[in-house]
Amino acid sequence: MRVSDFFTYLSFPKAKSRFIRRMQKAILVEAVLVIVLAGLSYGSAHESGQAVLTGTTASGKDYIKWVDFTVSYEALCKAYDWDVDTHDTEHPVSWIELLAYTAARTGGEFNKKALSILEDTAEKLCDGETTMEELTKDMKYYSYYKEAYTAVLGGMVGEYEAEVEDENGNREYCTKYGLKAYFPLARGFDYSHYDDFGTGRSYGYERKHLGHDMMGLVGTPIICVESGYVEALGWNQYGGWRIGIRSFDGKRYYYYAHLRQNYPYAENLEEGSIVTAGDVIGYMGHTGYSTKENVNNIEVTHLHWGLELIFDESQKESDNEIWIDVYPLTRFLAKHTQPVEKVEGTKEWIRTTGIKDPEVEKAKGEKEQ
């Protein structure tokens, strides 16, 4: 049919009507095919996406290769409150399991709907209506989220002894359960921050910012977030004077960078030292971006702190490092700050209230053997 004949054909009402109906059917069929193919593609991509989350060592051991920690500040607070409030009850609620279950339900999203799921689930668990085992028995990705979130949060909540002062000024240790990890800056020191994870960096080479910057004043005492071993101490051309602390379970590597020129570290701190959460470990500065040691080449005074997850030692200092966004975690840790005092006649600051962390006592005992 010629083009002119085609338009003549459409000039008849019945012919035009039949043509429109045929076109509508064709469009509908095509739309259905597109939806089906998209669904198949999503399923394939989803499966392959989950596949890249895990890897296998040479010995055949599985380990997690990637974690996108998207838990919000609000979710951390709600889950933590449920954990602490139900700790001594018949049906205690684990904050890590609660967050993992919510993530498995939402694909890692922590919006208003996720918070509602978290609250409803916690209430049912607390009332004994169900158990986490029952809720997750057919849940495909719960075990992944549980392992990933345990790696992030595993050393932050638990039983410990805290030093308290009575009305007569006497100090004694009392057993507590709750947040034993600390905010990374000492109490009472001004700072500012925003979520800067993933922003661009250009010194040396193009790369993403894999930590969190907290701007403040030179000399602000830096606090150990979680108890562990000092694994790295010294100069790095990117981080300046820096400290690396590994958690006792080996899953977390805390990185504190750009410490003060000339006096970066707390007294007697060295590689191999066992440190307790809440200890003063160093002082804020702006060293770094130099191959020469003890140089201030960072424009703005700040602490860069980061958290690397390690499921297999092959990931440490490799192209497969897992650094997470700790901005929500930083806000959450503000629940637990450490007061400090100046040691007269020195540049030192020390903590004013102590804790006894069972993990520290265990590590010291093993070190002495």
Protein backbone atom coordinates (compact mmCIF):
# COMPACT_ATOMS: atom_id res chain seq x y z
CA MET A 1 0.00 0.00 0.00
CA ARG A 2 1.33 3.41 -0.97
CA VAL A 3 1.53 6.15 1.65
CA SER A 4 -1.18 8.17 -0.10
CA ASP A 5 -3.47 5.11 -0.20
CA PHE A 6 -2.80 4.48 3.51
CA PHE A 7 -4.01 7.93 4.53
CA THR A 8 -7.03 7.60 2.17
CA TYR A 9 -7.80 4.31 3.95
CA LEU A 10 -7.73 6.06 7.32
CA SER A 11 -10.18 8.68 6.10
CA PHE A 12 -13.02 6.13 6.42
CA PRO A 13 -14.33 6.12 10.05
CA LYS A 14 -14.67 2.30 10.41
CA ALA A 15 -11.25 1.68 8.91
CA LYS A 16 -9.75 4.31 11.18
CA SER A 17 -11.42 2.76 14.23
CA ARG A 18 -10.13 -0.75 13.36
CA PHE A 19 -6.63 0.64 12.87
CA ILE A 20 -6.63 2.40 16.27
CA ARG A 21 -7.82 -0.78 18.03
CA ARG A 22 -5.07 -2.82 16.34
CA MET A 23 -2.45 -0.24 17.36
CA GLN A 24 -3.71 -0.25 20.96
CA LYS A 25 -3.46 -4.06 21.09
CA ALA A 26 0.02 -3.97 19.62
CA ILE A 27 1.15 -1.36 22.14
CA LEU A 28 -0.38 -3.36 25.00
CA VAL A 29 1.39 -6.57 23.91
CA GLU A 30 4.67 -4.72 23.57
CA ALA A 31 4.26 -3.16 27.02
CA VAL A 32 3.62 -6.56 28.58
CA LEU A 33 6.71 -7.99 26.91
CA VAL A 34 8.82 -5.07 28.17
CA ILE A 35 7.58 -5.61 31.75
CA VAL A 36 8.27 -9.35 31.61
CA LEU A 37 11.76 -8.86 30.18
CA ALA A 38 12.49 -6.16 32.74
CA GLY A 39 11.43 -8.48 35.52
CA LEU A 40 13.67 -11.23 34.22
CA SER A 41 16.57 -8.81 33.90
CA TYR A 42 16.00 -7.50 37.45
CA GLY A 43 15.90 -11.01 38.83
CA SER A 44 19.12 -11.88 37.05
CA ALA A 45 20.79 -8.66 38.15
CA HIS A 46 19.53 -9.12 41.70
CA GLU A 47 20.97 -12.62 41.89
CA SER A 48 24.27 -11.58 40.35
CA GLY A 49 24.34 -8.52 42.63
CA GLN A 50 24.01 -10.75 45.67
CA ALA A 51 26.67 -13.04 44.25
CA VAL A 52 29.29 -10.29 44.28
CA LEU A 53 28.60 -9.72 47.97
CA THR A 54 30.48 -12.86 48.91
CA GLY A 55 33.77 -14.45 47.94
CA THR A 56 35.78 -17.56 48.66
CA THR A 57 39.29 -17.90 50.03
CA ALA A 58 41.87 -20.30 48.59
CA SER A 59 40.94 -22.75 51.35
CA GLY A 60 37.28 -22.66 50.31
CA LYS A 61 36.03 -20.46 53.15
CA ASP A 62 33.24 -18.03 52.24
CA TYR A 63 33.51 -14.39 53.28
CA ILE A 64 31.65 -11.15 52.60
CA LYS A 65 33.17 -8.94 49.91
CA TRP A 66 30.93 -5.90 50.13
CA VAL A 67 28.75 -4.07 52.67
CA ASP A 68 26.66 -0.99 52.00
CA PHE A 69 25.85 0.14 55.55
CA THR A 70 22.72 2.26 55.07
CA VAL A 71 21.24 2.02 58.58
CA SER A 72 19.93 5.47 59.53
CA TYR A 73 20.56 7.32 62.77
CA GLU A 74 16.88 6.95 63.67
CA ALA A 75 16.98 3.18 63.11
CA LEU A 76 20.13 2.83 65.21
CA CYS A 77 18.51 4.72 68.08
CA LYS A 78 15.23 2.78 67.98
CA ALA A 79 16.89 -0.64 67.71
CA TYR A 80 19.35 0.23 70.50
CA ASP A 81 16.55 1.35 72.82
CA TRP A 82 14.68 -1.92 72.26
CA ASP A 83 17.85 -3.89 73.01
CA VAL A 84 18.62 -2.05 76.26
CA ASP A 85 15.01 -1.87 77.48
CA THR A 86 14.44 -5.62 77.01
CA HIS A 87 17.87 -6.83 78.12
CA ASP A 88 16.75 -8.31 81.44
CA THR A 89 13.32 -9.45 80.26
CA GLU A 90 11.99 -12.86 79.27
CA HIS A 91 12.17 -11.95 75.58
CA PRO A 92 15.23 -9.75 74.94
CA VAL A 93 15.49 -8.07 71.55
CA SER A 94 18.90 -7.96 69.83
CA TRP A 95 19.42 -4.63 68.09
CA ILE A 96 21.67 -6.20 65.45
CA GLU A 97 19.16 -8.94 64.62
CA LEU A 98 16.35 -6.39 64.54
CA LEU A 99 18.25 -4.16 62.10
CA ALA A 100 19.25 -7.17 59.97
CA TYR A 101 15.66 -8.40 59.77
CA THR A 102 14.43 -4.93 58.78
CA ALA A 103 17.12 -4.65 56.09
CA ALA A 104 16.22 -8.09 54.72
CA ARG A 105 12.59 -6.98 54.48
CA THR A 106 13.37 -3.66 52.77
CA GLY A 107 16.49 -4.44 50.74
CA GLY A 108 18.62 -2.29 53.03
CA GLU A 109 16.38 0.78 52.92
CA PHE A 110 15.73 2.57 56.23
CA ASN A 111 12.89 4.95 55.42
CA LYS A 112 9.67 5.55 57.39
CA LYS A 113 8.25 2.22 56.28
CA ALA A 114 11.36 0.45 57.52
CA LEU A 115 11.11 2.16 60.91
CA SER A 116 7.50 1.00 61.14
CA ILE A 117 8.57 -2.59 60.34
CA LEU A 118 11.30 -2.33 62.97
CA GLU A 119 8.90 -1.12 65.67
CA ASP A 120 6.17 -3.68 64.88
CA THR A 121 8.69 -6.52 64.81
CA ALA A 122 10.27 -5.47 68.10
CA GLU A 123 6.88 -5.34 69.81
CA LYS A 124 6.01 -8.86 68.65
CA LEU A 125 9.38 -10.21 69.75
CA CYS A 126 9.15 -8.47 73.10
CA ASP A 127 5.63 -9.80 73.72
CA GLY A 128 6.70 -13.33 72.83
CA GLU A 129 4.31 -13.54 69.87
CA THR A 130 7.13 -14.80 67.65
CA THR A 131 10.88 -15.36 67.56
CA MET A 132 13.56 -14.15 65.18
CA GLU A 133 14.15 -17.77 64.13
CA GLU A 134 10.51 -18.11 63.08
CA LEU A 135 10.50 -14.78 61.26
CA THR A 136 13.66 -15.48 59.29
CA LYS A 137 13.50 -19.22 58.57
CA ASP A 138 12.60 -18.63 54.90
CA MET A 139 14.31 -15.26 54.52
CA LYS A 140 17.05 -15.49 51.91
CA TYR A 141 19.30 -12.56 52.81
CA TYR A 142 18.82 -12.27 56.57
CA SER A 143 22.01 -14.22 57.34
CA TYR A 144 24.02 -11.87 55.09
CA TYR A 145 22.68 -8.74 56.80
CA LYS A 146 23.16 -10.25 60.24
CA GLU A 147 26.80 -11.07 59.56
CA ALA A 148 27.43 -7.70 57.92
CA TYR A 149 25.78 -5.68 60.69
CA THR A 150 27.47 -7.75 63.38
CA ALA A 151 30.78 -6.83 61.77
CA VAL A 152 29.87 -3.13 62.03
CA LEU A 153 28.20 -3.03 65.44
CA GLY A 154 29.37 -6.18 67.21
CA GLY A 155 31.65 -4.55 69.78
CA MET A 156 29.57 -1.50 70.61
CA VAL A 157 26.91 -2.77 73.00
CA GLY A 158 27.26 -5.15 75.93
CA GLU A 159 27.96 -5.51 79.62
CA TYR A 160 30.78 -3.55 81.23
CA GLU A 161 31.68 -1.87 84.50
CA ALA A 162 31.47 1.91 84.62
CA GLU A 163 33.07 4.19 87.18
CA VAL A 164 30.44 6.29 88.95
CA GLU A 165 30.62 8.85 91.73
CA ASP A 166 28.23 8.78 94.68
CA GLU A 167 26.83 11.79 96.53
CA ASN A 168 29.86 11.84 98.83
CA GLY A 169 32.34 12.00 95.95
CA ASN A 170 33.44 8.40 96.32
CA ARG A 171 34.07 6.47 93.11
CA GLU A 172 33.18 2.86 92.51
CA TYR A 173 32.53 0.56 89.56
CA CYS A 174 28.99 -0.57 88.78
CA THR A 175 27.92 -3.17 86.23
CA LYS A 176 26.03 -1.72 83.28
CA TYR A 177 24.57 -2.91 80.01
CA GLY A 178 24.43 -0.64 77.00
CA LEU A 179 26.63 1.42 74.74
CA LYS A 180 30.28 0.84 75.63
CA ALA A 181 31.64 2.45 72.46
CA TYR A 182 32.39 6.18 72.58
CA PHE A 183 32.02 9.29 70.46
CA PRO A 184 35.41 10.01 68.78
CA LEU A 185 35.89 13.48 70.31
CA ALA A 186 36.12 14.37 74.00
CA ARG A 187 33.08 15.88 75.67
CA GLY A 188 32.77 19.66 75.61
CA PHE A 189 34.98 20.35 72.57
CA ASP A 190 33.32 22.15 69.67
CA TYR A 191 33.12 20.51 66.27
CA SER A 192 31.13 20.58 63.04
CA HIS A 193 30.45 17.85 60.51
CA TYR A 194 28.22 16.67 57.68
CA ASP A 195 27.84 13.50 55.64
CA ASP A 196 30.88 13.67 53.37
CA PHE A 197 31.40 9.98 52.62
CA GLY A 198 32.19 9.34 48.96
CA THR A 199 33.09 12.90 48.02
CA GLY A 200 36.04 13.37 45.67
CA ARG A 201 39.70 13.64 46.70
CA SER A 202 42.52 14.52 44.34
CA TYR A 203 45.80 14.52 46.30
CA GLY A 204 48.04 11.81 44.87
CA TYR A 205 45.30 10.37 42.65
CA GLU A 206 41.56 10.63 42.06
CA ARG A 207 39.69 8.76 44.78
CA LYS A 208 36.63 8.86 47.01
CA HIS A 209 36.60 10.01 50.61
CA LEU A 210 36.21 6.80 52.60
CA GLY A 211 35.79 8.24 56.06
CA HIS A 212 34.16 11.04 58.02
CA ASP A 213 35.66 14.47 58.75
CA MET A 214 34.95 16.28 62.02
CA MET A 215 36.18 19.88 62.01
CA GLY A 216 37.48 21.40 65.25
CA LEU A 217 40.44 23.00 66.97
CA VAL A 218 44.07 21.90 67.07
CA GLY A 219 44.66 19.81 70.18
CA THR A 220 41.10 18.54 70.62
CA PRO A 221 41.46 15.15 72.38
CA ILE A 222 40.64 12.17 70.16
CA ILE A 223 38.81 9.34 71.91
CA CYS A 224 39.11 5.61 71.21
CA VAL A 225 35.72 4.51 69.86
CA GLU A 226 36.06 0.80 70.65
CA SER A 227 38.55 -1.22 72.67
CA GLY A 228 41.21 -3.05 70.70
CA TYR A 229 44.86 -3.26 69.63
CA VAL A 230 46.91 -0.43 68.13
CA GLU A 231 47.76 -1.92 64.76
CA ALA A 232 49.27 1.12 63.04
CA LEU A 233 50.95 4.24 64.37
CA GLY A 234 53.06 6.75 62.50
CA TRP A 235 53.23 8.86 59.37
CA ASN A 236 51.26 8.34 56.19
CA GLN A 237 51.50 10.84 53.34
CA TYR A 238 47.71 10.94 52.96
CA GLY A 239 46.63 10.78 56.60
CA GLY A 240 49.61 12.52 58.21
CA TRP A 241 50.11 11.32 61.76
CA ARG A 242 47.55 8.56 62.13
CA ILE A 243 46.43 5.69 64.36
CA GLY A 244 44.88 2.39 63.29
CA ILE A 245 43.09 0.31 65.94
CA ARG A 246 41.77 -3.21 65.33
CA SER A 247 38.86 -4.60 67.32
CA PHE A 248 39.53 -7.74 69.34
CA ASP A 249 37.38 -9.87 67.03
CA GLY A 250 39.41 -8.60 64.04
CA LYS A 251 36.34 -7.42 62.11
CA ARG A 252 36.78 -3.66 62.52
CA TYR A 253 39.72 -1.38 61.76
CA TYR A 254 39.34 2.16 63.12
CA TYR A 255 41.40 4.80 61.36
CA TYR A 256 42.13 8.21 62.94
CA ALA A 257 44.07 10.65 60.76
CA HIS A 258 45.53 14.20 60.44
CA LEU A 259 46.62 14.31 64.08
CA ARG A 260 48.49 17.23 65.63
CA GLN A 261 51.93 18.31 64.46
CA ASN A 262 54.80 17.61 66.90
CA TYR A 263 52.54 16.02 69.55
CA PRO A 264 50.04 13.74 67.78
CA TYR A 265 49.60 10.85 70.24
CA ALA A 266 48.73 10.15 73.82
CA GLU A 267 51.71 9.38 76.02
CA ASN A 268 53.06 5.82 75.88
CA LEU A 269 50.87 4.81 72.94
CA GLU A 270 52.66 2.44 70.57
CA GLU A 271 51.95 -0.35 68.10
CA GLY A 272 50.68 -3.37 69.98
CA SER A 273 49.19 -1.35 72.83
CA ILE A 274 45.83 -2.49 74.18
CA VAL A 275 43.46 0.46 74.42
CA THR A 276 40.09 0.75 76.13
CA ALA A 277 37.07 2.49 74.64
CA GLY A 278 36.99 6.04 75.96
CA ASP A 279 40.76 6.42 76.27
CA VAL A 280 42.43 9.55 74.90
CA ILE A 281 44.58 8.29 72.03
CA GLY A 282 45.66 11.47 70.23
CA TYR A 283 44.99 15.08 69.34
CA MET A 284 43.32 16.80 66.39
CA GLY A 285 45.48 18.57 63.84
CA HIS A 286 45.91 19.03 60.10
CA THR A 287 48.98 17.00 59.14
CA GLY A 288 49.21 15.06 55.90
CA TYR A 289 49.28 15.35 52.12
CA SER A 290 53.05 15.23 52.19
CA THR A 291 55.77 12.62 51.73
CA LYS A 292 57.77 14.52 54.34
CA GLU A 293 56.89 13.75 57.96
CA ASN A 294 55.32 16.20 60.43
CA VAL A 295 54.00 18.62 57.81
CA ASN A 296 50.72 20.56 57.97
CA ASN A 297 49.44 20.45 54.41
CA ILE A 298 45.75 20.00 55.22
CA GLU A 299 43.98 23.36 55.05
CA VAL A 300 41.22 22.73 57.62
CA THR A 301 41.90 21.33 61.09
CA HIS A 302 39.87 18.15 61.49
CA LEU A 303 39.78 14.53 62.51
CA HIS A 304 39.28 12.04 59.72
CA TRP A 305 37.97 8.82 61.18
CA GLY A 306 36.99 5.78 59.21
CA LEU A 307 35.80 2.24 59.78
CA GLU A 308 37.00 -0.61 57.60
CA LEU A 309 35.32 -4.02 57.78
CA ILE A 310 37.53 -7.09 57.45
CA PHE A 311 35.99 -10.51 56.81
CA ASP A 312 39.19 -11.97 55.41
CA GLU A 313 42.74 -10.71 55.90
CA SER A 314 43.20 -10.57 52.13
CA GLN A 315 40.90 -7.53 52.16
CA LYS A 316 43.17 -5.46 54.38
CA GLU A 317 45.23 -2.92 52.41
CA SER A 318 43.99 -4.19 49.06
CA ASP A 319 41.75 -3.13 46.19
CA ASN A 320 38.90 -4.92 47.97
CA GLU A 321 38.74 -2.84 51.15
CA ILE A 322 35.31 -2.26 52.68
CA TRP A 323 34.90 1.21 54.20
CA ILE A 324 31.45 2.26 55.40
CA ASP A 325 29.71 5.59 55.85
CA VAL A 326 30.02 6.33 59.59
CA TYR A 327 28.09 9.62 59.63
CA PRO A 328 24.90 8.07 61.12
CA LEU A 329 27.08 6.08 63.50
CA THR A 330 28.91 9.24 64.60
CA ARG A 331 25.60 10.89 65.46
CA PHE A 332 24.53 7.78 67.34
CA LEU A 333 27.77 7.60 69.35
CA ALA A 334 27.09 11.12 70.64
CA LYS A 335 24.95 9.32 73.22
CA HIS A 336 28.20 8.29 74.96
CA THR A 337 30.88 10.97 75.29
CA GLN A 338 34.00 10.91 77.46
CA PRO A 339 34.85 13.84 79.77
CA VAL A 340 38.57 14.63 80.03
CA GLU A 341 40.92 16.77 82.07
CA LYS A 342 44.27 18.40 81.35
CA VAL A 343 47.38 16.97 82.98
CA GLU A 344 48.95 20.00 84.61
CA GLY A 345 52.25 21.12 83.08
CA THR A 346 51.88 18.91 79.97
CA LYS A 347 50.07 18.75 76.65
CA GLU A 348 48.28 15.63 77.80
CA TRP A 349 44.58 15.11 78.41
CA ILE A 350 43.23 12.03 80.19
CA ARG A 351 39.79 10.53 80.72
CA THR A 352 38.05 11.34 84.00
CA THR A 353 35.75 8.30 84.21
CA GLY A 354 36.90 4.78 83.58
CA ILE A 355 35.28 1.58 82.40
CA LYS A 356 36.25 -2.06 82.74
CA ASP A 357 35.63 -3.79 79.44
CA PRO A 358 35.61 -7.61 79.77
CA GLU A 359 37.20 -7.86 76.32
CA VAL A 360 40.15 -5.74 77.47
CA GLU A 361 40.69 -7.87 80.54
CA LYS A 362 40.59 -11.00 78.38
CA ALA A 363 43.05 -9.56 75.85
CA LYS A 364 45.48 -8.48 78.58
CA GLY A 365 45.34 -11.94 80.11
CA GLU A 366 46.10 -13.58 76.76
CA LYS A 367 48.97 -11.14 76.15
CA GLU A 368 50.58 -12.03 79.48
CA GLN A 369 50.47 -15.76 78.79
